[in-house]
Amino acid sequence: MSAANPYESSAAPPSMTPTRRTVTVKRLDVMSCGTMLGVLYAILGLIVGAMFTLMALVGVAAQGGDAVAGLIGGIGAIVLMPLFYGVGGFIGGIIGALLYNMCATFVGGIKFDLE
């Protein structure tokens, strides 16, 4: 076993070419999918909220209005959008994983070739 690859089997010589193996994803962990998509969508919500803040400030500056109102609306977008996007992503991830698990019982799942 070499120190560079801890997963390499000591029985196989390092000069062998890798073999392909087909695996099937038959079931997804529902909470894992929900958590992953919740975090991903919260990050996207933060980016979208930052763009809304920028646009609010640009709009207030273009009209010559009070910048405090645009800043308050923009800060609200930075706080609320990641929250709403994260909750929506979490619920969507759970629903998606449940639908995948239901369909995979009939179809058999998705096949992957691993090397």
PDB file of N, CA and C in Angstrom:
ATOM      1  N   MET A   1       0.858  -1.171   0.000  1.00  0.00           N
ATOM      2  CA  MET A   1       0.000   0.000   0.000  1.00  0.00           C
ATOM      3  C   MET A   1       0.903   1.232   0.000  1.00  0.00           C
ATOM      4  N   SER A   2       0.636   2.143  -0.911  1.00  0.00           N
ATOM      5  CA  SER A   2       1.479   3.332  -0.999  1.00  0.00           C
ATOM      6  C   SER A   2       0.904   4.433  -0.117  1.00  0.00           C
ATOM      7  N   ALA A   3       1.773   5.338   0.284  1.00  0.00           N
ATOM      8  CA  ALA A   3       1.360   6.437   1.154  1.00  0.00           C
ATOM      9  C   ALA A   3       0.560   7.484   0.373  1.00  0.00           C
ATOM     10  N   ALA A   4       0.720   7.521  -0.967  1.00  0.00           N
ATOM     11  CA  ALA A   4       0.035   8.517  -1.773  1.00  0.00           C
ATOM     12  C   ALA A   4      -1.461   8.223  -1.897  1.00  0.00           C
ATOM     13  N   ASN A   5      -1.845   6.949  -1.890  1.00  0.00           N
ATOM     14  CA  ASN A   5      -3.238   6.581  -2.052  1.00  0.00           C
ATOM     15  C   ASN A   5      -3.626   5.596  -0.956  1.00  0.00           C
ATOM     16  N   PRO A   6      -4.299   6.046   0.103  1.00  0.00           N
ATOM     17  CA  PRO A   6      -4.640   5.143   1.206  1.00  0.00           C
ATOM     18  C   PRO A   6      -5.711   4.125   0.830  1.00  0.00           C
ATOM     19  N   TYR A   7      -6.398   4.318  -0.300  1.00  0.00           N
ATOM     20  CA  TYR A   7      -7.461   3.400  -0.704  1.00  0.00           C
ATOM     21  C   TYR A   7      -6.966   2.320  -1.660  1.00  0.00           C
ATOM     22  N   GLU A   8      -5.721   2.401  -2.048  1.00  0.00           N
ATOM     23  CA  GLU A   8      -5.167   1.431  -2.976  1.00  0.00           C
ATOM     24  C   GLU A   8      -4.968   0.091  -2.264  1.00  0.00           C
ATOM     25  N   SER A   9      -5.389  -0.960  -2.917  1.00  0.00           N
ATOM     26  CA  SER A   9      -5.260  -2.288  -2.344  1.00  0.00           C
ATOM     27  C   SER A   9      -3.812  -2.750  -2.446  1.00  0.00           C
ATOM     28  N   SER A  10      -3.330  -3.418  -1.406  1.00  0.00           N
ATOM     29  CA  SER A  10      -1.954  -3.901  -1.436  1.00  0.00           C
ATOM     30  C   SER A  10      -1.829  -5.140  -2.308  1.00  0.00           C
ATOM     31  N   ALA A  11      -2.953  -5.794  -2.640  1.00  0.00           N
ATOM     32  CA  ALA A  11      -2.905  -7.003  -3.459  1.00  0.00           C
ATOM     33  C   ALA A  11      -2.737  -6.676  -4.937  1.00  0.00           C
ATOM     34  N   ALA A  12      -3.145  -5.508  -5.375  1.00  0.00           N
ATOM     35  CA  ALA A  12      -3.061  -5.150  -6.786  1.00  0.00           C
ATOM     36  C   ALA A  12      -1.770  -4.391  -7.051  1.00  0.00           C
ATOM     37  N   PRO A  13      -1.008  -4.832  -8.055  1.00  0.00           N
ATOM     38  CA  PRO A  13       0.205  -4.085  -8.398  1.00  0.00           C
ATOM     39  C   PRO A  13      -0.151  -2.706  -8.947  1.00  0.00           C
ATOM     40  N   PRO A  14       0.658  -1.673  -8.655  1.00  0.00           N
ATOM     41  CA  PRO A  14       0.339  -0.315  -9.079  1.00  0.00           C
ATOM     42  C   PRO A  14       0.371  -0.124 -10.587  1.00  0.00           C
ATOM     43  N   SER A  15       0.949  -1.050 -11.341  1.00  0.00           N
ATOM     44  CA  SER A  15       1.061  -0.877 -12.787  1.00  0.00           C
ATOM     45  C   SER A  15      -0.201  -1.315 -13.521  1.00  0.00           C
ATOM     46  N   MET A  16      -1.162  -1.921 -12.823  1.00  0.00           N
ATOM     47  CA  MET A  16      -2.388  -2.372 -13.481  1.00  0.00           C
ATOM     48  C   MET A  16      -3.248  -1.177 -13.873  1.00  0.00           C
ATOM     49  N   THR A  17      -3.951  -1.315 -14.979  1.00  0.00           N
ATOM     50  CA  THR A  17      -4.867  -0.257 -15.384  1.00  0.00           C
ATOM     51  C   THR A  17      -6.134  -0.349 -14.533  1.00  0.00           C
ATOM     52  N   PRO A  18      -6.742   0.779 -14.231  1.00  0.00           N
ATOM     53  CA  PRO A  18      -7.949   0.743 -13.401  1.00  0.00           C
ATOM     54  C   PRO A  18      -9.089   0.043 -14.130  1.00  0.00           C
ATOM     55  N   THR A  19      -9.916  -0.616 -13.379  1.00  0.00           N
ATOM     56  CA  THR A  19     -11.065  -1.306 -13.956  1.00  0.00           C
ATOM     57  C   THR A  19     -12.323  -0.473 -13.718  1.00  0.00           C
ATOM     58  N   ARG A  20     -13.277  -0.660 -14.602  1.00  0.00           N
ATOM     59  CA  ARG A  20     -14.540   0.054 -14.465  1.00  0.00           C
ATOM     60  C   ARG A  20     -15.523  -0.824 -13.709  1.00  0.00           C
ATOM     61  N   ARG A  21     -16.336  -0.164 -12.898  1.00  0.00           N
ATOM     62  CA  ARG A  21     -17.335  -0.858 -12.118  1.00  0.00           C
ATOM     63  C   ARG A  21     -18.609  -0.042 -12.182  1.00  0.00           C
ATOM     64  N   THR A  22     -19.723  -0.705 -12.425  1.00  0.00           N
ATOM     65  CA  THR A  22     -21.006  -0.022 -12.487  1.00  0.00           C
ATOM     66  C   THR A  22     -21.713  -0.158 -11.144  1.00  0.00           C
ATOM     67  N   VAL A  23     -22.121   0.965 -10.586  1.00  0.00           N
ATOM     68  CA  VAL A  23     -22.879   0.970  -9.337  1.00  0.00           C
ATOM     69  C   VAL A  23     -24.217   1.659  -9.604  1.00  0.00           C
ATOM     70  N   THR A  24     -25.195   1.331  -8.808  1.00  0.00           N
ATOM     71  CA  THR A  24     -26.528   1.890  -8.966  1.00  0.00           C
ATOM     72  C   THR A  24     -26.924   2.612  -7.687  1.00  0.00           C
ATOM     73  N   VAL A  25     -27.366   3.853  -7.831  1.00  0.00           N
ATOM     74  CA  VAL A  25     -27.891   4.612  -6.698  1.00  0.00           C
ATOM     75  C   VAL A  25     -29.368   4.246  -6.579  1.00  0.00           C
ATOM     76  N   LYS A  26     -29.686   3.445  -5.571  1.00  0.00           N
ATOM     77  CA  LYS A  26     -31.058   2.962  -5.410  1.00  0.00           C
ATOM     78  C   LYS A  26     -31.855   3.796  -4.423  1.00  0.00           C
ATOM     79  N   ARG A  27     -31.172   4.517  -3.542  1.00  0.00           N
ATOM     80  CA  ARG A  27     -31.869   5.281  -2.520  1.00  0.00           C
ATOM     81  C   ARG A  27     -31.022   6.482  -2.116  1.00  0.00           C
ATOM     82  N   LEU A  28     -31.662   7.614  -1.889  1.00  0.00           N
ATOM     83  CA  LEU A  28     -30.991   8.811  -1.393  1.00  0.00           C
ATOM     84  C   LEU A  28     -31.427   9.060   0.040  1.00  0.00           C
ATOM     85  N   ASP A  29     -30.506   9.524   0.862  1.00  0.00           N
ATOM     86  CA  ASP A  29     -30.854   9.907   2.225  1.00  0.00           C
ATOM     87  C   ASP A  29     -31.592  11.236   2.167  1.00  0.00           C
ATOM     88  N   VAL A  30     -32.819  11.248   2.629  1.00  0.00           N
ATOM     89  CA  VAL A  30     -33.703  12.404   2.473  1.00  0.00           C
ATOM     90  C   VAL A  30     -33.160  13.619   3.216  1.00  0.00           C
ATOM     91  N   MET A  31     -32.766  13.463   4.459  1.00  0.00           N
ATOM     92  CA  MET A  31     -32.277  14.610   5.241  1.00  0.00           C
ATOM     93  C   MET A  31     -30.947  15.134   4.708  1.00  0.00           C
ATOM     94  N   SER A  32     -30.109  14.240   4.198  1.00  0.00           N
ATOM     95  CA  SER A  32     -28.836  14.666   3.620  1.00  0.00           C
ATOM     96  C   SER A  32     -29.076  15.533   2.388  1.00  0.00           C
ATOM     97  N   CYS A  33     -30.001  15.122   1.536  1.00  0.00           N
ATOM     98  CA  CYS A  33     -30.322  15.922   0.346  1.00  0.00           C
ATOM     99  C   CYS A  33     -30.941  17.256   0.741  1.00  0.00           C
ATOM    100  N   GLY A  34     -31.832  17.232   1.732  1.00  0.00           N
ATOM    101  CA  GLY A  34     -32.445  18.472   2.185  1.00  0.00           C
ATOM    102  C   GLY A  34     -31.435  19.442   2.759  1.00  0.00           C
ATOM    103  N   THR A  35     -30.529  18.931   3.580  1.00  0.00           N
ATOM    104  CA  THR A  35     -29.501  19.790   4.186  1.00  0.00           C
ATOM    105  C   THR A  35     -28.564  20.357   3.132  1.00  0.00           C
ATOM    106  N   MET A  36     -28.128  19.517   2.212  1.00  0.00           N
ATOM    107  CA  MET A  36     -27.198  19.963   1.176  1.00  0.00           C
ATOM    108  C   MET A  36     -27.827  21.054   0.309  1.00  0.00           C
ATOM    109  N   LEU A  37     -29.049  20.822  -0.152  1.00  0.00           N
ATOM    110  CA  LEU A  37     -29.700  21.829  -0.987  1.00  0.00           C
ATOM    111  C   LEU A  37     -30.088  23.065  -0.185  1.00  0.00           C
ATOM    112  N   GLY A  38     -30.419  22.904   1.088  1.00  0.00           N
ATOM    113  CA  GLY A  38     -30.709  24.063   1.927  1.00  0.00           C
ATOM    114  C   GLY A  38     -29.510  24.988   2.048  1.00  0.00           C
ATOM    115  N   VAL A  39     -28.339  24.425   2.282  1.00  0.00           N
ATOM    116  CA  VAL A  39     -27.116  25.237   2.394  1.00  0.00           C
ATOM    117  C   VAL A  39     -26.761  25.852   1.043  1.00  0.00           C
ATOM    118  N   LEU A  40     -26.864  25.066  -0.021  1.00  0.00           N
ATOM    119  CA  LEU A  40     -26.538  25.578  -1.348  1.00  0.00           C
ATOM    120  C   LEU A  40     -27.450  26.746  -1.728  1.00  0.00           C
ATOM    121  N   TYR A  41     -28.730  26.600  -1.491  1.00  0.00           N
ATOM    122  CA  TYR A  41     -29.675  27.661  -1.837  1.00  0.00           C
ATOM    123  C   TYR A  41     -29.526  28.863  -0.910  1.00  0.00           C
ATOM    124  N   ALA A  42     -29.130  28.668   0.336  1.00  0.00           N
ATOM    125  CA  ALA A  42     -28.879  29.802   1.224  1.00  0.00           C
ATOM    126  C   ALA A  42     -27.702  30.632   0.710  1.00  0.00           C
ATOM    127  N   ILE A  43     -26.673  29.969   0.211  1.00  0.00           N
ATOM    128  CA  ILE A  43     -25.534  30.691  -0.378  1.00  0.00           C
ATOM    129  C   ILE A  43     -25.977  31.459  -1.615  1.00  0.00           C
ATOM    130  N   LEU A  44     -26.804  30.812  -2.453  1.00  0.00           N
ATOM    131  CA  LEU A  44     -27.324  31.514  -3.626  1.00  0.00           C
ATOM    132  C   LEU A  44     -28.204  32.694  -3.219  1.00  0.00           C
ATOM    133  N   GLY A  45     -28.990  32.524  -2.151  1.00  0.00           N
ATOM    134  CA  GLY A  45     -29.816  33.612  -1.648  1.00  0.00           C
ATOM    135  C   GLY A  45     -28.989  34.784  -1.150  1.00  0.00           C
ATOM    136  N   LEU A  46     -27.841  34.490  -0.564  1.00  0.00           N
ATOM    137  CA  LEU A  46     -26.943  35.561  -0.120  1.00  0.00           C
ATOM    138  C   LEU A  46     -26.412  36.342  -1.311  1.00  0.00           C
ATOM    139  N   ILE A  47     -26.072  35.652  -2.379  1.00  0.00           N
ATOM    140  CA  ILE A  47     -25.573  36.324  -3.585  1.00  0.00           C
ATOM    141  C   ILE A  47     -26.682  37.171  -4.213  1.00  0.00           C
ATOM    142  N   VAL A  48     -27.890  36.598  -4.321  1.00  0.00           N
ATOM    143  CA  VAL A  48     -29.017  37.346  -4.898  1.00  0.00           C
ATOM    144  C   VAL A  48     -29.381  38.530  -4.001  1.00  0.00           C
ATOM    145  N   GLY A  49     -29.345  38.342  -2.686  1.00  0.00           N
ATOM    146  CA  GLY A  49     -29.623  39.434  -1.762  1.00  0.00           C
ATOM    147  C   GLY A  49     -28.614  40.561  -1.892  1.00  0.00           C
ATOM    148  N   ALA A  50     -27.351  40.212  -2.108  1.00  0.00           N
ATOM    149  CA  ALA A  50     -26.329  41.243  -2.307  1.00  0.00           C
ATOM    150  C   ALA A  50     -26.588  42.022  -3.596  1.00  0.00           C
ATOM    151  N   MET A  51     -27.027  41.323  -4.639  1.00  0.00           N
ATOM    152  CA  MET A  51     -27.350  42.021  -5.889  1.00  0.00           C
ATOM    153  C   MET A  51     -28.569  42.934  -5.704  1.00  0.00           C
ATOM    154  N   PHE A  52     -29.569  42.484  -4.942  1.00  0.00           N
ATOM    155  CA  PHE A  52     -30.724  43.336  -4.656  1.00  0.00           C
ATOM    156  C   PHE A  52     -30.294  44.569  -3.868  1.00  0.00           C
ATOM    157  N   THR A  53     -29.389  44.412  -2.921  1.00  0.00           N
ATOM    158  CA  THR A  53     -28.893  45.547  -2.151  1.00  0.00           C
ATOM    159  C   THR A  53     -28.200  46.550  -3.051  1.00  0.00           C
ATOM    160  N   LEU A  54     -27.364  46.048  -3.948  1.00  0.00           N
ATOM    161  CA  LEU A  54     -26.655  46.918  -4.881  1.00  0.00           C
ATOM    162  C   LEU A  54     -27.647  47.669  -5.778  1.00  0.00           C
ATOM    163  N   MET A  55     -28.631  46.955  -6.284  1.00  0.00           N
ATOM    164  CA  MET A  55     -29.627  47.594  -7.151  1.00  0.00           C
ATOM    165  C   MET A  55     -30.471  48.611  -6.382  1.00  0.00           C
ATOM    166  N   ALA A  56     -30.784  48.324  -5.131  1.00  0.00           N
ATOM    167  CA  ALA A  56     -31.544  49.280  -4.318  1.00  0.00           C
ATOM    168  C   ALA A  56     -30.741  50.554  -4.103  1.00  0.00           C
ATOM    169  N   LEU A  57     -29.468  50.416  -3.814  1.00  0.00           N
ATOM    170  CA  LEU A  57     -28.626  51.598  -3.607  1.00  0.00           C
ATOM    171  C   LEU A  57     -28.437  52.392  -4.896  1.00  0.00           C
ATOM    172  N   VAL A  58     -28.280  51.676  -6.018  1.00  0.00           N
ATOM    173  CA  VAL A  58     -28.139  52.362  -7.302  1.00  0.00           C
ATOM    174  C   VAL A  58     -29.439  53.093  -7.644  1.00  0.00           C
ATOM    175  N   GLY A  59     -30.584  52.469  -7.386  1.00  0.00           N
ATOM    176  CA  GLY A  59     -31.868  53.110  -7.662  1.00  0.00           C
ATOM    177  C   GLY A  59     -32.097  54.342  -6.821  1.00  0.00           C
ATOM    178  N   VAL A  60     -31.747  54.276  -5.549  1.00  0.00           N
ATOM    179  CA  VAL A  60     -31.905  55.434  -4.666  1.00  0.00           C
ATOM    180  C   VAL A  60     -30.955  56.547  -5.091  1.00  0.00           C
ATOM    181  N   ALA A  61     -29.736  56.191  -5.462  1.00  0.00           N
ATOM    182  CA  ALA A  61     -28.762  57.202  -5.882  1.00  0.00           C
ATOM    183  C   ALA A  61     -29.182  57.853  -7.194  1.00  0.00           C
ATOM    184  N   ALA A  62     -29.781  57.079  -8.096  1.00  0.00           N
ATOM    185  CA  ALA A  62     -30.201  57.631  -9.386  1.00  0.00           C
ATOM    186  C   ALA A  62     -31.369  58.599  -9.229  1.00  0.00           C
ATOM    187  N   GLN A  63     -32.233  58.348  -8.256  1.00  0.00           N
ATOM    188  CA  GLN A  63     -33.373  59.229  -8.045  1.00  0.00           C
ATOM    189  C   GLN A  63     -33.047  60.369  -7.090  1.00  0.00           C
ATOM    190  N   GLY A  64     -31.893  60.343  -6.480  1.00  0.00           N
ATOM    191  CA  GLY A  64     -31.501  61.393  -5.562  1.00  0.00           C
ATOM    192  C   GLY A  64     -32.236  61.327  -4.241  1.00  0.00           C
ATOM    193  N   GLY A  65     -32.721  60.162  -3.887  1.00  0.00           N
ATOM    194  CA  GLY A  65     -33.478  60.005  -2.645  1.00  0.00           C
ATOM    195  C   GLY A  65     -32.561  59.728  -1.465  1.00  0.00           C
ATOM    196  N   ASP A  66     -33.191  59.341  -0.378  1.00  0.00           N
ATOM    197  CA  ASP A  66     -32.465  59.052   0.853  1.00  0.00           C
ATOM    198  C   ASP A  66     -31.814  57.672   0.746  1.00  0.00           C
ATOM    199  N   ALA A  67     -30.523  57.616   0.902  1.00  0.00           N
ATOM    200  CA  ALA A  67     -29.792  56.357   0.783  1.00  0.00           C
ATOM    201  C   ALA A  67     -30.086  55.414   1.935  1.00  0.00           C
ATOM    202  N   VAL A  68     -30.553  55.932   3.058  1.00  0.00           N
ATOM    203  CA  VAL A  68     -30.842  55.081   4.213  1.00  0.00           C
ATOM    204  C   VAL A  68     -31.984  54.118   3.898  1.00  0.00           C
ATOM    205  N   ALA A  69     -33.011  54.601   3.170  1.00  0.00           N
ATOM    206  CA  ALA A  69     -34.129  53.728   2.814  1.00  0.00           C
ATOM    207  C   ALA A  69     -33.669  52.595   1.915  1.00  0.00           C
ATOM    208  N   GLY A  70     -32.823  52.883   0.953  1.00  0.00           N
ATOM    209  CA  GLY A  70     -32.285  51.834   0.077  1.00  0.00           C
ATOM    210  C   GLY A  70     -31.405  50.866   0.834  1.00  0.00           C
ATOM    211  N   LEU A  71     -30.650  51.385   1.786  1.00  0.00           N
ATOM    212  CA  LEU A  71     -29.771  50.527   2.578  1.00  0.00           C
ATOM    213  C   LEU A  71     -30.580  49.602   3.479  1.00  0.00           C
ATOM    214  N   ILE A  72     -31.651  50.115   4.070  1.00  0.00           N
ATOM    215  CA  ILE A  72     -32.497  49.278   4.932  1.00  0.00           C
ATOM    216  C   ILE A  72     -33.152  48.174   4.114  1.00  0.00           C
ATOM    217  N   GLY A  73     -33.675  48.528   2.938  1.00  0.00           N
ATOM    218  CA  GLY A  73     -34.261  47.513   2.060  1.00  0.00           C
ATOM    219  C   GLY A  73     -33.231  46.507   1.594  1.00  0.00           C
ATOM    220  N   GLY A  74     -32.035  46.970   1.310  1.00  0.00           N
ATOM    221  CA  GLY A  74     -30.971  46.072   0.863  1.00  0.00           C
ATOM    222  C   GLY A  74     -30.501  45.136   1.953  1.00  0.00           C
ATOM    223  N   ILE A  75     -30.374  45.653   3.179  1.00  0.00           N
ATOM    224  CA  ILE A  75     -29.974  44.797   4.302  1.00  0.00           C
ATOM    225  C   ILE A  75     -31.063  43.766   4.577  1.00  0.00           C
ATOM    226  N   GLY A  76     -32.321  44.179   4.441  1.00  0.00           N
ATOM    227  CA  GLY A  76     -33.417  43.225   4.573  1.00  0.00           C
ATOM    228  C   GLY A  76     -33.310  42.113   3.549  1.00  0.00           C
ATOM    229  N   ALA A  77     -32.900  42.462   2.317  1.00  0.00           N
ATOM    230  CA  ALA A  77     -32.735  41.450   1.267  1.00  0.00           C
ATOM    231  C   ALA A  77     -31.587  40.507   1.606  1.00  0.00           C
ATOM    232  N   ILE A  78     -30.498  41.038   2.157  1.00  0.00           N
ATOM    233  CA  ILE A  78     -29.354  40.185   2.495  1.00  0.00           C
ATOM    234  C   ILE A  78     -29.697  39.228   3.633  1.00  0.00           C
ATOM    235  N   VAL A  79     -30.580  39.650   4.530  1.00  0.00           N
ATOM    236  CA  VAL A  79     -30.954  38.793   5.663  1.00  0.00           C
ATOM    237  C   VAL A  79     -32.065  37.817   5.267  1.00  0.00           C
ATOM    238  N   LEU A  80     -33.098  38.316   4.593  1.00  0.00           N
ATOM    239  CA  LEU A  80     -34.269  37.486   4.324  1.00  0.00           C
ATOM    240  C   LEU A  80     -34.094  36.528   3.157  1.00  0.00           C
ATOM    241  N   MET A  81     -33.401  36.931   2.109  1.00  0.00           N
ATOM    242  CA  MET A  81     -33.276  36.059   0.943  1.00  0.00           C
ATOM    243  C   MET A  81     -32.538  34.761   1.246  1.00  0.00           C
ATOM    244  N   PRO A  82     -31.398  34.786   1.940  1.00  0.00           N
ATOM    245  CA  PRO A  82     -30.776  33.492   2.268  1.00  0.00           C
ATOM    246  C   PRO A  82     -31.678  32.622   3.141  1.00  0.00           C
ATOM    247  N   LEU A  83     -32.434  33.249   4.030  1.00  0.00           N
ATOM    248  CA  LEU A  83     -33.346  32.488   4.881  1.00  0.00           C
ATOM    249  C   LEU A  83     -34.430  31.812   4.039  1.00  0.00           C
ATOM    250  N   PHE A  84     -35.101  32.587   3.182  1.00  0.00           N
ATOM    251  CA  PHE A  84     -36.165  32.021   2.349  1.00  0.00           C
ATOM    252  C   PHE A  84     -35.613  31.014   1.338  1.00  0.00           C
ATOM    253  N   TYR A  85     -34.493  31.346   0.695  1.00  0.00           N
ATOM    254  CA  TYR A  85     -33.898  30.419  -0.268  1.00  0.00           C
ATOM    255  C   TYR A  85     -33.458  29.133   0.430  1.00  0.00           C
ATOM    256  N   GLY A  86     -32.865  29.249   1.617  1.00  0.00           N
ATOM    257  CA  GLY A  86     -32.405  28.062   2.349  1.00  0.00           C
ATOM    258  C   GLY A  86     -33.546  27.154   2.748  1.00  0.00           C
ATOM    259  N   VAL A  87     -34.629  27.736   3.260  1.00  0.00           N
ATOM    260  CA  VAL A  87     -35.794  26.929   3.643  1.00  0.00           C
ATOM    261  C   VAL A  87     -36.405  26.283   2.405  1.00  0.00           C
ATOM    262  N   GLY A  88     -36.521  27.055   1.329  1.00  0.00           N
ATOM    263  CA  GLY A  88     -37.057  26.498   0.085  1.00  0.00           C
ATOM    264  C   GLY A  88     -36.193  25.387  -0.477  1.00  0.00           C
ATOM    265  N   GLY A  89     -34.869  25.559  -0.418  1.00  0.00           N
ATOM    266  CA  GLY A  89     -33.962  24.523  -0.887  1.00  0.00           C
ATOM    267  C   GLY A  89     -34.035  23.268  -0.035  1.00  0.00           C
ATOM    268  N   PHE A  90     -34.172  23.447   1.274  1.00  0.00           N
ATOM    269  CA  PHE A  90     -34.294  22.304   2.185  1.00  0.00           C
ATOM    270  C   PHE A  90     -35.557  21.508   1.874  1.00  0.00           C
ATOM    271  N   ILE A  91     -36.680  22.200   1.744  1.00  0.00           N
ATOM    272  CA  ILE A  91     -37.944  21.524   1.436  1.00  0.00           C
ATOM    273  C   ILE A  91     -37.882  20.891   0.049  1.00  0.00           C
ATOM    274  N   GLY A  92     -37.316  21.602  -0.922  1.00  0.00           N
ATOM    275  CA  GLY A  92     -37.178  21.053  -2.270  1.00  0.00           C
ATOM    276  C   GLY A  92     -36.272  19.832  -2.313  1.00  0.00           C
ATOM    277  N   GLY A  93     -35.202  19.842  -1.518  1.00  0.00           N
ATOM    278  CA  GLY A  93     -34.304  18.692  -1.456  1.00  0.00           C
ATOM    279  C   GLY A  93     -34.984  17.472  -0.861  1.00  0.00           C
ATOM    280  N   ILE A  94     -35.790  17.697   0.161  1.00  0.00           N
ATOM    281  CA  ILE A  94     -36.528  16.588   0.772  1.00  0.00           C
ATOM    282  C   ILE A  94     -37.544  16.015  -0.223  1.00  0.00           C
ATOM    283  N   ILE A  95     -38.293  16.893  -0.878  1.00  0.00           N
ATOM    284  CA  ILE A  95     -39.286  16.424  -1.846  1.00  0.00           C
ATOM    285  C   ILE A  95     -38.608  15.705  -3.011  1.00  0.00           C
ATOM    286  N   GLY A  96     -37.504  16.270  -3.496  1.00  0.00           N
ATOM    287  CA  GLY A  96     -36.782  15.637  -4.599  1.00  0.00           C
ATOM    288  C   GLY A  96     -36.241  14.264  -4.236  1.00  0.00           C
ATOM    289  N   ALA A  97     -35.683  14.135  -3.029  1.00  0.00           N
ATOM    290  CA  ALA A  97     -35.152  12.836  -2.595  1.00  0.00           C
ATOM    291  C   ALA A  97     -36.275  11.826  -2.406  1.00  0.00           C
ATOM    292  N   LEU A  98     -37.405  12.267  -1.858  1.00  0.00           N
ATOM    293  CA  LEU A  98     -38.545  11.353  -1.708  1.00  0.00           C
ATOM    294  C   LEU A  98     -39.061  10.884  -3.066  1.00  0.00           C
ATOM    295  N   LEU A  99     -39.161  11.803  -4.020  1.00  0.00           N
ATOM    296  CA  LEU A  99     -39.605  11.421  -5.361  1.00  0.00           C
ATOM    297  C   LEU A  99     -38.607  10.485  -6.033  1.00  0.00           C
ATOM    298  N   TYR A 100     -37.303  10.757  -5.850  1.00  0.00           N
ATOM    299  CA  TYR A 100     -36.293   9.871  -6.424  1.00  0.00           C
ATOM    300  C   TYR A 100     -36.407   8.472  -5.822  1.00  0.00           C
ATOM    301  N   ASN A 101     -36.532   8.388  -4.505  1.00  0.00           N
ATOM    302  CA  ASN A 101     -36.636   7.081  -3.854  1.00  0.00           C
ATOM    303  C   ASN A 101     -37.873   6.329  -4.328  1.00  0.00           C
ATOM    304  N   MET A 102     -38.971   7.043  -4.527  1.00  0.00           N
ATOM    305  CA  MET A 102     -40.189   6.398  -4.999  1.00  0.00           C
ATOM    306  C   MET A 102     -40.008   5.883  -6.432  1.00  0.00           C
ATOM    307  N   CYS A 103     -39.431   6.698  -7.295  1.00  0.00           N
ATOM    308  CA  CYS A 103     -39.219   6.288  -8.687  1.00  0.00           C
ATOM    309  C   CYS A 103     -38.172   5.188  -8.798  1.00  0.00           C
ATOM    310  N   ALA A 104     -37.150   5.234  -7.947  1.00  0.00           N
ATOM    311  CA  ALA A 104     -36.083   4.235  -8.016  1.00  0.00           C
ATOM    312  C   ALA A 104     -36.591   2.846  -7.633  1.00  0.00           C
ATOM    313  N   THR A 105     -37.643   2.769  -6.830  1.00  0.00           N
ATOM    314  CA  THR A 105     -38.192   1.443  -6.510  1.00  0.00           C
ATOM    315  C   THR A 105     -38.818   0.797  -7.738  1.00  0.00           C
ATOM    316  N   PHE A 106     -39.342   1.616  -8.660  1.00  0.00           N
ATOM    317  CA  PHE A 106     -39.951   1.072  -9.870  1.00  0.00           C
ATOM    318  C   PHE A 106     -38.944   0.875 -10.995  1.00  0.00           C
ATOM    319  N   VAL A 107     -38.047   1.837 -11.159  1.00  0.00           N
ATOM    320  CA  VAL A 107     -37.120   1.843 -12.294  1.00  0.00           C
ATOM    321  C   VAL A 107     -35.801   1.146 -11.960  1.00  0.00           C
ATOM    322  N   GLY A 108     -35.372   1.226 -10.731  1.00  0.00           N
ATOM    323  CA  GLY A 108     -34.128   0.581 -10.337  1.00  0.00           C
ATOM    324  C   GLY A 108     -33.017   1.537  -9.973  1.00  0.00           C
ATOM    325  N   GLY A 109     -33.168   2.815 -10.244  1.00  0.00           N
ATOM    326  CA  GLY A 109     -32.152   3.794  -9.863  1.00  0.00           C
ATOM    327  C   GLY A 109     -31.318   4.260 -11.035  1.00  0.00           C
ATOM    328  N   ILE A 110     -30.308   5.062 -10.712  1.00  0.00           N
ATOM    329  CA  ILE A 110     -29.389   5.609 -11.723  1.00  0.00           C
ATOM    330  C   ILE A 110     -28.095   4.824 -11.659  1.00  0.00           C
ATOM    331  N   LYS A 111     -27.593   4.418 -12.814  1.00  0.00           N
ATOM    332  CA  LYS A 111     -26.353   3.652 -12.875  1.00  0.00           C
ATOM    333  C   LYS A 111     -25.180   4.594 -13.159  1.00  0.00           C
ATOM    334  N   PHE A 112     -24.069   4.355 -12.461  1.00  0.00           N
ATOM    335  CA  PHE A 112     -22.843   5.113 -12.648  1.00  0.00           C
ATOM    336  C   PHE A 112     -21.713   4.141 -12.958  1.00  0.00           C
ATOM    337  N   ASP A 113     -20.830   4.547 -13.855  1.00  0.00           N
ATOM    338  CA  ASP A 113     -19.596   3.793 -14.090  1.00  0.00           C
ATOM    339  C   ASP A 113     -18.492   4.440 -13.280  1.00  0.00           C
ATOM    340  N   LEU A 114     -17.918   3.700 -12.367  1.00  0.00           N
ATOM    341  CA  LEU A 114     -16.815   4.192 -11.543  1.00  0.00           C
ATOM    342  C   LEU A 114     -15.523   3.554 -12.010  1.00  0.00           C
ATOM    343  N   GLU A 115     -14.469   4.269 -11.882  1.00  0.00           N
ATOM    344  CA  GLU A 115     -13.156   3.768 -12.285  1.00  0.00           C
ATOM    345  C   GLU A 115     -12.232   3.749 -11.108  1.00  0.00           C
TER     346      GLU A 115
END
